[in-house]
Amino acid sequence: MIDALQNSPINPAAAKLISGTGGAASTGQSGFADMLKQSIDQVSRLQQDASAAVEDLATGKNEDVTGVMTAVEKADLAFKTLLAIRAKLMDAYNEVKNMPL
């Protein structure tokens, strides 16, 4: 499973942090907020690339339907993964918030 995370289109730094092979804990260079921002930026870029590919296909600039579908699916998978991470973070926040003092 860790190998799949390291080959993920979302953020290789996140996979390294999860697997313990690098990241903020060992280098001290970036924090969780930076990693999350980079992931969001990367998802945004994937979505913009997919939109541009669809537009190029619609206007006839590109004839590669397979490449366009791959870009769209990659952006969709990245977005769904980001939503799943958000849901887990919200669950963790709610659990911590409801802990007795």
PDB file of N, CA and C in Angstrom:
ATOM      1  N   MET A   1       0.823  -1.192   0.000  1.00  0.00           N
ATOM      2  CA  MET A   1       0.000   0.000   0.000  1.00  0.00           C
ATOM      3  C   MET A   1       0.867   1.256   0.000  1.00  0.00           C
ATOM      4  N   ILE A   2       1.980   1.202   0.715  1.00  0.00           N
ATOM      5  CA  ILE A   2       2.867   2.364   0.771  1.00  0.00           C
ATOM      6  C   ILE A   2       3.435   2.642  -0.612  1.00  0.00           C
ATOM      7  N   ASP A   3       3.765   1.597  -1.377  1.00  0.00           N
ATOM      8  CA  ASP A   3       4.270   1.806  -2.727  1.00  0.00           C
ATOM      9  C   ASP A   3       3.233   2.522  -3.573  1.00  0.00           C
ATOM     10  N   ALA A   4       1.977   2.174  -3.404  1.00  0.00           N
ATOM     11  CA  ALA A   4       0.919   2.833  -4.167  1.00  0.00           C
ATOM     12  C   ALA A   4       0.827   4.310  -3.786  1.00  0.00           C
ATOM     13  N   LEU A   5       1.037   4.615  -2.511  1.00  0.00           N
ATOM     14  CA  LEU A   5       1.014   6.006  -2.087  1.00  0.00           C
ATOM     15  C   LEU A   5       2.174   6.790  -2.667  1.00  0.00           C
ATOM     16  N   GLN A   6       3.351   6.156  -2.750  1.00  0.00           N
ATOM     17  CA  GLN A   6       4.514   6.855  -3.269  1.00  0.00           C
ATOM     18  C   GLN A   6       4.382   7.119  -4.757  1.00  0.00           C
ATOM     19  N   ASN A   7       3.611   6.309  -5.475  1.00  0.00           N
ATOM     20  CA  ASN A   7       3.395   6.510  -6.901  1.00  0.00           C
ATOM     21  C   ASN A   7       2.125   7.294  -7.179  1.00  0.00           C
ATOM     22  N   SER A   8       1.526   7.850  -6.146  1.00  0.00           N
ATOM     23  CA  SER A   8       0.279   8.585  -6.260  1.00  0.00           C
ATOM     24  C   SER A   8       0.474   9.897  -7.017  1.00  0.00           C
ATOM     25  N   PRO A   9      -0.542  10.316  -7.815  1.00  0.00           N
ATOM     26  CA  PRO A   9      -0.429  11.587  -8.511  1.00  0.00           C
ATOM     27  C   PRO A   9      -0.654  12.780  -7.592  1.00  0.00           C
ATOM     28  N   ILE A  10      -1.055  12.543  -6.359  1.00  0.00           N
ATOM     29  CA  ILE A  10      -1.396  13.644  -5.470  1.00  0.00           C
ATOM     30  C   ILE A  10      -0.158  14.377  -4.977  1.00  0.00           C
ATOM     31  N   ASN A  11       0.644  13.724  -4.186  1.00  0.00           N
ATOM     32  CA  ASN A  11       1.799  14.413  -3.631  1.00  0.00           C
ATOM     33  C   ASN A  11       2.810  13.391  -3.128  1.00  0.00           C
ATOM     34  N   PRO A  12       3.936  13.244  -3.797  1.00  0.00           N
ATOM     35  CA  PRO A  12       4.952  12.301  -3.343  1.00  0.00           C
ATOM     36  C   PRO A  12       5.468  12.630  -1.948  1.00  0.00           C
ATOM     37  N   ALA A  13       5.499  13.896  -1.573  1.00  0.00           N
ATOM     38  CA  ALA A  13       5.965  14.271  -0.237  1.00  0.00           C
ATOM     39  C   ALA A  13       5.040  13.713   0.832  1.00  0.00           C
ATOM     40  N   ALA A  14       3.729  13.694   0.543  1.00  0.00           N
ATOM     41  CA  ALA A  14       2.778  13.144   1.502  1.00  0.00           C
ATOM     42  C   ALA A  14       3.008  11.653   1.686  1.00  0.00           C
ATOM     43  N   ALA A  15       3.286  10.952   0.604  1.00  0.00           N
ATOM     44  CA  ALA A  15       3.538   9.525   0.692  1.00  0.00           C
ATOM     45  C   ALA A  15       4.814   9.248   1.485  1.00  0.00           C
ATOM     46  N   LYS A  16       5.830  10.069   1.304  1.00  0.00           N
ATOM     47  CA  LYS A  16       7.072   9.896   2.058  1.00  0.00           C
ATOM     48  C   LYS A  16       6.832  10.137   3.532  1.00  0.00           C
ATOM     49  N   LEU A  17       6.000  11.130   3.848  1.00  0.00           N
ATOM     50  CA  LEU A  17       5.697  11.429   5.239  1.00  0.00           C
ATOM     51  C   LEU A  17       4.938  10.277   5.879  1.00  0.00           C
ATOM     52  N   ILE A  18       3.972   9.726   5.151  1.00  0.00           N
ATOM     53  CA  ILE A  18       3.175   8.615   5.666  1.00  0.00           C
ATOM     54  C   ILE A  18       4.035   7.380   5.856  1.00  0.00           C
ATOM     55  N   SER A  19       4.907   7.109   4.881  1.00  0.00           N
ATOM     56  CA  SER A  19       5.707   5.892   4.938  1.00  0.00           C
ATOM     57  C   SER A  19       6.902   6.019   5.870  1.00  0.00           C
ATOM     58  N   GLY A  20       7.211   7.248   6.307  1.00  0.00           N
ATOM     59  CA  GLY A  20       8.321   7.438   7.222  1.00  0.00           C
ATOM     60  C   GLY A  20       9.668   7.537   6.532  1.00  0.00           C
ATOM     61  N   THR A  21       9.695   7.748   5.226  1.00  0.00           N
ATOM     62  CA  THR A  21      10.963   7.813   4.514  1.00  0.00           C
ATOM     63  C   THR A  21      11.423   9.231   4.276  1.00  0.00           C
ATOM     64  N   GLY A  22      10.761  10.190   4.830  1.00  0.00           N
ATOM     65  CA  GLY A  22      11.172  11.576   4.630  1.00  0.00           C
ATOM     66  C   GLY A  22      10.075  12.501   5.056  1.00  0.00           C
ATOM     67  N   GLY A  23      10.137  13.726   4.565  1.00  0.00           N
ATOM     68  CA  GLY A  23       9.089  14.681   4.850  1.00  0.00           C
ATOM     69  C   GLY A  23       9.454  15.603   5.986  1.00  0.00           C
ATOM     70  N   ALA A  24       8.458  16.241   6.535  1.00  0.00           N
ATOM     71  CA  ALA A  24       8.660  17.291   7.526  1.00  0.00           C
ATOM     72  C   ALA A  24       9.273  16.758   8.810  1.00  0.00           C
ATOM     73  N   ALA A  25       8.908  15.548   9.199  1.00  0.00           N
ATOM     74  CA  ALA A  25       9.394  15.022  10.461  1.00  0.00           C
ATOM     75  C   ALA A  25      10.900  14.810  10.435  1.00  0.00           C
ATOM     76  N   SER A  26      11.449  14.403   9.321  1.00  0.00           N
ATOM     77  CA  SER A  26      12.874  14.111   9.295  1.00  0.00           C
ATOM     78  C   SER A  26      13.716  15.277   8.813  1.00  0.00           C
ATOM     79  N   THR A  27      13.188  16.152   7.966  1.00  0.00           N
ATOM     80  CA  THR A  27      14.003  17.240   7.440  1.00  0.00           C
ATOM     81  C   THR A  27      13.740  18.555   8.142  1.00  0.00           C
ATOM     82  N   GLY A  28      12.545  18.747   8.681  1.00  0.00           N
ATOM     83  CA  GLY A  28      12.212  19.985   9.348  1.00  0.00           C
ATOM     84  C   GLY A  28      12.021  21.152   8.383  1.00  0.00           C
ATOM     85  N   GLN A  29      11.887  20.877   7.098  1.00  0.00           N
ATOM     86  CA  GLN A  29      11.794  21.946   6.114  1.00  0.00           C
ATOM     87  C   GLN A  29      10.370  22.425   5.888  1.00  0.00           C
ATOM     88  N   SER A  30       9.405  21.558   5.946  1.00  0.00           N
ATOM     89  CA  SER A  30       8.032  21.991   5.704  1.00  0.00           C
ATOM     90  C   SER A  30       7.100  21.305   6.679  1.00  0.00           C
ATOM     91  N   GLY A  31       6.006  21.976   6.954  1.00  0.00           N
ATOM     92  CA  GLY A  31       5.043  21.447   7.891  1.00  0.00           C
ATOM     93  C   GLY A  31       3.851  20.837   7.185  1.00  0.00           C
ATOM     94  N   PHE A  32       2.910  20.415   7.993  1.00  0.00           N
ATOM     95  CA  PHE A  32       1.714  19.785   7.458  1.00  0.00           C
ATOM     96  C   PHE A  32       0.922  20.756   6.597  1.00  0.00           C
ATOM     97  N   ALA A  33       0.839  22.007   7.019  1.00  0.00           N
ATOM     98  CA  ALA A  33       0.088  23.001   6.253  1.00  0.00           C
ATOM     99  C   ALA A  33       0.698  23.206   4.870  1.00  0.00           C
ATOM    100  N   ASP A  34       2.024  23.239   4.799  1.00  0.00           N
ATOM    101  CA  ASP A  34       2.693  23.388   3.505  1.00  0.00           C
ATOM    102  C   ASP A  34       2.423  22.190   2.601  1.00  0.00           C
ATOM    103  N   MET A  35       2.483  20.990   3.185  1.00  0.00           N
ATOM    104  CA  MET A  35       2.231  19.782   2.418  1.00  0.00           C
ATOM    105  C   MET A  35       0.787  19.771   1.895  1.00  0.00           C
ATOM    106  N   LEU A  36      -0.142  20.184   2.735  1.00  0.00           N
ATOM    107  CA  LEU A  36      -1.542  20.220   2.331  1.00  0.00           C
ATOM    108  C   LEU A  36      -1.764  21.251   1.232  1.00  0.00           C
ATOM    109  N   LYS A  37      -1.124  22.408   1.352  1.00  0.00           N
ATOM    110  CA  LYS A  37      -1.244  23.443   0.323  1.00  0.00           C
ATOM    111  C   LYS A  37      -0.664  22.963  -1.001  1.00  0.00           C
ATOM    112  N   GLN A  38       0.465  22.273  -0.960  1.00  0.00           N
ATOM    113  CA  GLN A  38       1.065  21.733  -2.178  1.00  0.00           C
ATOM    114  C   GLN A  38       0.140  20.711  -2.835  1.00  0.00           C
ATOM    115  N   SER A  39      -0.505  19.894  -2.021  1.00  0.00           N
ATOM    116  CA  SER A  39      -1.437  18.898  -2.554  1.00  0.00           C
ATOM    117  C   SER A  39      -2.629  19.574  -3.224  1.00  0.00           C
ATOM    118  N   ILE A  40      -3.159  20.596  -2.591  1.00  0.00           N
ATOM    119  CA  ILE A  40      -4.291  21.328  -3.165  1.00  0.00           C
ATOM    120  C   ILE A  40      -3.884  22.001  -4.470  1.00  0.00           C
ATOM    121  N   ASP A  41      -2.692  22.598  -4.482  1.00  0.00           N
ATOM    122  CA  ASP A  41      -2.195  23.231  -5.702  1.00  0.00           C
ATOM    123  C   ASP A  41      -2.024  22.220  -6.830  1.00  0.00           C
ATOM    124  N   GLN A  42      -1.523  21.037  -6.481  1.00  0.00           N
ATOM    125  CA  GLN A  42      -1.323  20.011  -7.502  1.00  0.00           C
ATOM    126  C   GLN A  42      -2.660  19.521  -8.060  1.00  0.00           C
ATOM    127  N   VAL A  43      -3.654  19.355  -7.211  1.00  0.00           N
ATOM    128  CA  VAL A  43      -4.983  18.960  -7.680  1.00  0.00           C
ATOM    129  C   VAL A  43      -5.554  20.041  -8.591  1.00  0.00           C
ATOM    130  N   SER A  44      -5.358  21.286  -8.215  1.00  0.00           N
ATOM    131  CA  SER A  44      -5.832  22.395  -9.041  1.00  0.00           C
ATOM    132  C   SER A  44      -5.163  22.377 -10.413  1.00  0.00           C
ATOM    133  N   ARG A  45      -3.858  22.148 -10.446  1.00  0.00           N
ATOM    134  CA  ARG A  45      -3.149  22.077 -11.734  1.00  0.00           C
ATOM    135  C   ARG A  45      -3.656  20.923 -12.589  1.00  0.00           C
ATOM    136  N   LEU A  46      -3.899  19.772 -11.959  1.00  0.00           N
ATOM    137  CA  LEU A  46      -4.425  18.627 -12.713  1.00  0.00           C
ATOM    138  C   LEU A  46      -5.796  18.949 -13.301  1.00  0.00           C
ATOM    139  N   GLN A  47      -6.630  19.633 -12.544  1.00  0.00           N
ATOM    140  CA  GLN A  47      -7.958  20.000 -13.046  1.00  0.00           C
ATOM    141  C   GLN A  47      -7.856  21.015 -14.176  1.00  0.00           C
ATOM    142  N   GLN A  48      -6.940  21.957 -14.061  1.00  0.00           N
ATOM    143  CA  GLN A  48      -6.756  22.938 -15.130  1.00  0.00           C
ATOM    144  C   GLN A  48      -6.229  22.263 -16.398  1.00  0.00           C
ATOM    145  N   ASP A  49      -5.294  21.323 -16.225  1.00  0.00           N
ATOM    146  CA  ASP A  49      -4.764  20.591 -17.378  1.00  0.00           C
ATOM    147  C   ASP A  49      -5.860  19.773 -18.058  1.00  0.00           C
ATOM    148  N   ALA A  50      -6.715  19.142 -17.261  1.00  0.00           N
ATOM    149  CA  ALA A  50      -7.804  18.346 -17.822  1.00  0.00           C
ATOM    150  C   ALA A  50      -8.791  19.245 -18.566  1.00  0.00           C
ATOM    151  N   SER A  51      -9.100  20.405 -18.004  1.00  0.00           N
ATOM    152  CA  SER A  51     -10.012  21.335 -18.672  1.00  0.00           C
ATOM    153  C   SER A  51      -9.431  21.825 -19.994  1.00  0.00           C
ATOM    154  N   ALA A  52      -8.132  22.115 -19.991  1.00  0.00           N
ATOM    155  CA  ALA A  52      -7.473  22.552 -21.225  1.00  0.00           C
ATOM    156  C   ALA A  52      -7.473  21.439 -22.262  1.00  0.00           C
ATOM    157  N   ALA A  53      -7.258  20.204 -21.825  1.00  0.00           N
ATOM    158  CA  ALA A  53      -7.254  19.073 -22.753  1.00  0.00           C
ATOM    159  C   ALA A  53      -8.636  18.859 -23.368  1.00  0.00           C
ATOM    160  N   VAL A  54      -9.683  18.994 -22.560  1.00  0.00           N
ATOM    161  CA  VAL A  54     -11.057  18.860 -23.073  1.00  0.00           C
ATOM    162  C   VAL A  54     -11.351  19.972 -24.066  1.00  0.00           C
ATOM    163  N   GLU A  55     -10.931  21.190 -23.737  1.00  0.00           N
ATOM    164  CA  GLU A  55     -11.158  22.317 -24.637  1.00  0.00           C
ATOM    165  C   GLU A  55     -10.409  22.117 -25.964  1.00  0.00           C
ATOM    166  N   ASP A  56      -9.171  21.637 -25.882  1.00  0.00           N
ATOM    167  CA  ASP A  56      -8.402  21.378 -27.104  1.00  0.00           C
ATOM    168  C   ASP A  56      -9.059  20.290 -27.956  1.00  0.00           C
ATOM    169  N   LEU A  57      -9.618  19.283 -27.305  1.00  0.00           N
ATOM    170  CA  LEU A  57     -10.310  18.225 -28.044  1.00  0.00           C
ATOM    171  C   LEU A  57     -11.568  18.779 -28.710  1.00  0.00           C
ATOM    172  N   ALA A  58     -12.299  19.616 -27.997  1.00  0.00           N
ATOM    173  CA  ALA A  58     -13.545  20.174 -28.534  1.00  0.00           C
ATOM    174  C   ALA A  58     -13.288  21.128 -29.698  1.00  0.00           C
ATOM    175  N   THR A  59     -12.176  21.851 -29.661  1.00  0.00           N
ATOM    176  CA  THR A  59     -11.877  22.809 -30.729  1.00  0.00           C
ATOM    177  C   THR A  59     -11.089  22.190 -31.876  1.00  0.00           C
ATOM    178  N   GLY A  60     -10.707  20.932 -31.740  1.00  0.00           N
ATOM    179  CA  GLY A  60      -9.994  20.249 -32.814  1.00  0.00           C
ATOM    180  C   GLY A  60      -8.485  20.413 -32.773  1.00  0.00           C
ATOM    181  N   LYS A  61      -7.948  21.025 -31.738  1.00  0.00           N
ATOM    182  CA  LYS A  61      -6.503  21.191 -31.620  1.00  0.00           C
ATOM    183  C   LYS A  61      -5.819  19.876 -31.251  1.00  0.00           C
ATOM    184  N   ASN A  62      -6.582  18.969 -30.657  1.00  0.00           N
ATOM    185  CA  ASN A  62      -6.035  17.698 -30.196  1.00  0.00           C
ATOM    186  C   ASN A  62      -6.990  16.580 -30.611  1.00  0.00           C
ATOM    187  N   GLU A  63      -6.441  15.506 -31.134  1.00  0.00           N
ATOM    188  CA  GLU A  63      -7.263  14.365 -31.560  1.00  0.00           C
ATOM    189  C   GLU A  63      -7.099  13.164 -30.630  1.00  0.00           C
ATOM    190  N   ASP A  64      -6.297  13.304 -29.575  1.00  0.00           N
ATOM    191  CA  ASP A  64      -5.979  12.193 -28.673  1.00  0.00           C
ATOM    192  C   ASP A  64      -7.060  12.056 -27.598  1.00  0.00           C
ATOM    193  N   VAL A  65      -8.090  11.287 -27.893  1.00  0.00           N
ATOM    194  CA  VAL A  65      -9.197  11.104 -26.953  1.00  0.00           C
ATOM    195  C   VAL A  65      -8.720  10.349 -25.715  1.00  0.00           C
ATOM    196  N   THR A  66      -7.850   9.371 -25.910  1.00  0.00           N
ATOM    197  CA  THR A  66      -7.354   8.582 -24.787  1.00  0.00           C
ATOM    198  C   THR A  66      -6.566   9.457 -23.811  1.00  0.00           C
ATOM    199  N   GLY A  67      -5.729  10.330 -24.337  1.00  0.00           N
ATOM    200  CA  GLY A  67      -4.966  11.228 -23.480  1.00  0.00           C
ATOM    201  C   GLY A  67      -5.857  12.186 -22.712  1.00  0.00           C
ATOM    202  N   VAL A  68      -6.901  12.665 -23.363  1.00  0.00           N
ATOM    203  CA  VAL A  68      -7.835  13.576 -22.703  1.00  0.00           C
ATOM    204  C   VAL A  68      -8.577  12.844 -21.585  1.00  0.00           C
ATOM    205  N   MET A  69      -9.033  11.639 -21.873  1.00  0.00           N
ATOM    206  CA  MET A  69      -9.745  10.861 -20.854  1.00  0.00           C
ATOM    207  C   MET A  69      -8.823  10.525 -19.684  1.00  0.00           C
ATOM    208  N   THR A  70      -7.570  10.239 -19.974  1.00  0.00           N
ATOM    209  CA  THR A  70      -6.605   9.960 -18.912  1.00  0.00           C
ATOM    210  C   THR A  70      -6.404  11.187 -18.030  1.00  0.00           C
ATOM    211  N   ALA A  71      -6.281  12.358 -18.631  1.00  0.00           N
ATOM    212  CA  ALA A  71      -6.113  13.594 -17.866  1.00  0.00           C
ATOM    213  C   ALA A  71      -7.341  13.881 -17.006  1.00  0.00           C
ATOM    214  N   VAL A  72      -8.520  13.652 -17.558  1.00  0.00           N
ATOM    215  CA  VAL A  72      -9.759  13.893 -16.812  1.00  0.00           C
ATOM    216  C   VAL A  72      -9.875  12.914 -15.642  1.00  0.00           C
ATOM    217  N   GLU A  73      -9.575  11.654 -15.881  1.00  0.00           N
ATOM    218  CA  GLU A  73      -9.662  10.650 -14.813  1.00  0.00           C
ATOM    219  C   GLU A  73      -8.612  10.895 -13.733  1.00  0.00           C
ATOM    220  N   LYS A  74      -7.409  11.316 -14.130  1.00  0.00           N
ATOM    221  CA  LYS A  74      -6.359  11.620 -13.158  1.00  0.00           C
ATOM    222  C   LYS A  74      -6.796  12.784 -12.273  1.00  0.00           C
ATOM    223  N   ALA A  75      -7.373  13.814 -12.869  1.00  0.00           N
ATOM    224  CA  ALA A  75      -7.857  14.956 -12.091  1.00  0.00           C
ATOM    225  C   ALA A  75      -9.001  14.539 -11.166  1.00  0.00           C
ATOM    226  N   ASP A  76      -9.890  13.683 -11.656  1.00  0.00           N
ATOM    227  CA  ASP A  76     -11.015  13.218 -10.850  1.00  0.00           C
ATOM    228  C   ASP A  76     -10.529  12.392  -9.661  1.00  0.00           C
ATOM    229  N   LEU A  77      -9.589  11.496  -9.905  1.00  0.00           N
ATOM    230  CA  LEU A  77      -9.049  10.669  -8.833  1.00  0.00           C
ATOM    231  C   LEU A  77      -8.323  11.519  -7.799  1.00  0.00           C
ATOM    232  N   ALA A  78      -7.562  12.495  -8.248  1.00  0.00           N
ATOM    233  CA  ALA A  78      -6.850  13.374  -7.326  1.00  0.00           C
ATOM    234  C   ALA A  78      -7.836  14.160  -6.469  1.00  0.00           C
ATOM    235  N   PHE A  79      -8.909  14.657  -7.085  1.00  0.00           N
ATOM    236  CA  PHE A  79      -9.909  15.420  -6.341  1.00  0.00           C
ATOM    237  C   PHE A  79     -10.631  14.542  -5.330  1.00  0.00           C
ATOM    238  N   LYS A  80     -10.995  13.332  -5.725  1.00  0.00           N
ATOM    239  CA  LYS A  80     -11.668  12.420  -4.792  1.00  0.00           C
ATOM    240  C   LYS A  80     -10.755  12.049  -3.631  1.00  0.00           C
ATOM    241  N   THR A  81      -9.471  11.880  -3.902  1.00  0.00           N
ATOM    242  CA  THR A  81      -8.520  11.577  -2.842  1.00  0.00           C
ATOM    243  C   THR A  81      -8.408  12.748  -1.878  1.00  0.00           C
ATOM    244  N   LEU A  82      -8.361  13.950  -2.414  1.00  0.00           N
ATOM    245  CA  LEU A  82      -8.300  15.148  -1.570  1.00  0.00           C
ATOM    246  C   LEU A  82      -9.559  15.265  -0.707  1.00  0.00           C
ATOM    247  N   LEU A  83     -10.716  14.954  -1.271  1.00  0.00           N
ATOM    248  CA  LEU A  83     -11.957  14.976  -0.485  1.00  0.00           C
ATOM    249  C   LEU A  83     -11.939  13.928   0.626  1.00  0.00           C
ATOM    250  N   ALA A  84     -11.375  12.759   0.342  1.00  0.00           N
ATOM    251  CA  ALA A  84     -11.280  11.714   1.360  1.00  0.00           C
ATOM    252  C   ALA A  84     -10.344  12.146   2.487  1.00  0.00           C
ATOM    253  N   ILE A  85      -9.250  12.792   2.134  1.00  0.00           N
ATOM    254  CA  ILE A  85      -8.327  13.292   3.155  1.00  0.00           C
ATOM    255  C   ILE A  85      -9.018  14.348   4.007  1.00  0.00           C
ATOM    256  N   ARG A  86      -9.765  15.230   3.365  1.00  0.00           N
ATOM    257  CA  ARG A  86     -10.518  16.258   4.088  1.00  0.00           C
ATOM    258  C   ARG A  86     -11.506  15.629   5.057  1.00  0.00           C
ATOM    259  N   ALA A  87     -12.211  14.596   4.607  1.00  0.00           N
ATOM    260  CA  ALA A  87     -13.187  13.925   5.473  1.00  0.00           C
ATOM    261  C   ALA A  87     -12.504  13.300   6.687  1.00  0.00           C
ATOM    262  N   LYS A  88     -11.345  12.679   6.466  1.00  0.00           N
ATOM    263  CA  LYS A  88     -10.615  12.081   7.584  1.00  0.00           C
ATOM    264  C   LYS A  88     -10.118  13.143   8.556  1.00  0.00           C
ATOM    265  N   LEU A  89      -9.657  14.266   8.023  1.00  0.00           N
ATOM    266  CA  LEU A  89      -9.206  15.354   8.894  1.00  0.00           C
ATOM    267  C   LEU A  89     -10.368  15.905   9.714  1.00  0.00           C
ATOM    268  N   MET A  90     -11.530  16.045   9.098  1.00  0.00           N
ATOM    269  CA  MET A  90     -12.698  16.542   9.824  1.00  0.00           C
ATOM    270  C   MET A  90     -13.135  15.546  10.894  1.00  0.00           C
ATOM    271  N   ASP A  91     -13.075  14.247  10.583  1.00  0.00           N
ATOM    272  CA  ASP A  91     -13.400  13.230  11.586  1.00  0.00           C
ATOM    273  C   ASP A  91     -12.443  13.313  12.772  1.00  0.00           C
ATOM    274  N   ALA A  92     -11.152  13.464  12.479  1.00  0.00           N
ATOM    275  CA  ALA A  92     -10.157  13.566  13.548  1.00  0.00           C
ATOM    276  C   ALA A  92     -10.394  14.827  14.372  1.00  0.00           C
ATOM    277  N   TYR A  93     -10.684  15.938  13.705  1.00  0.00           N
ATOM    278  CA  TYR A  93     -10.961  17.192  14.422  1.00  0.00           C
ATOM    279  C   TYR A  93     -12.165  17.036  15.340  1.00  0.00           C
ATOM    280  N   ASN A  94     -13.241  16.449  14.819  1.00  0.00           N
ATOM    281  CA  ASN A  94     -14.448  16.276  15.631  1.00  0.00           C
ATOM    282  C   ASN A  94     -14.199  15.346  16.813  1.00  0.00           C
ATOM    283  N   GLU A  95     -13.370  14.331  16.603  1.00  0.00           N
ATOM    284  CA  GLU A  95     -13.056  13.404  17.698  1.00  0.00           C
ATOM    285  C   GLU A  95     -12.254  14.126  18.789  1.00  0.00           C
ATOM    286  N   VAL A  96     -11.284  14.923  18.383  1.00  0.00           N
ATOM    287  CA  VAL A  96     -10.497  15.674  19.361  1.00  0.00           C
ATOM    288  C   VAL A  96     -11.366  16.717  20.059  1.00  0.00           C
ATOM    289  N   LYS A  97     -12.238  17.362  19.301  1.00  0.00           N
ATOM    290  CA  LYS A  97     -13.113  18.400  19.861  1.00  0.00           C
ATOM    291  C   LYS A  97     -14.047  17.821  20.906  1.00  0.00           C
ATOM    292  N   ASN A  98     -14.486  16.589  20.737  1.00  0.00           N
ATOM    293  CA  ASN A  98     -15.447  15.979  21.660  1.00  0.00           C
ATOM    294  C   ASN A  98     -14.789  15.250  22.823  1.00  0.00           C
ATOM    295  N   MET A  99     -13.460  15.312  22.920  1.00  0.00           N
ATOM    296  CA  MET A  99     -12.784  14.671  24.051  1.00  0.00           C
ATOM    297  C   MET A  99     -13.073  15.457  25.328  1.00  0.00           C
ATOM    298  N   PRO A 100     -13.264  14.715  26.408  1.00  0.00           N
ATOM    299  CA  PRO A 100     -13.479  15.424  27.681  1.00  0.00           C
ATOM    300  C   PRO A 100     -12.186  16.096  28.136  1.00  0.00           C
ATOM    301  N   LEU A 101     -12.368  17.219  28.833  1.00  0.00           N
ATOM    302  CA  LEU A 101     -11.204  17.961  29.322  1.00  0.00           C
ATOM    303  C   LEU A 101     -10.669  17.396  30.559  1.00  0.00           C
TER     304      LEU A 101
END
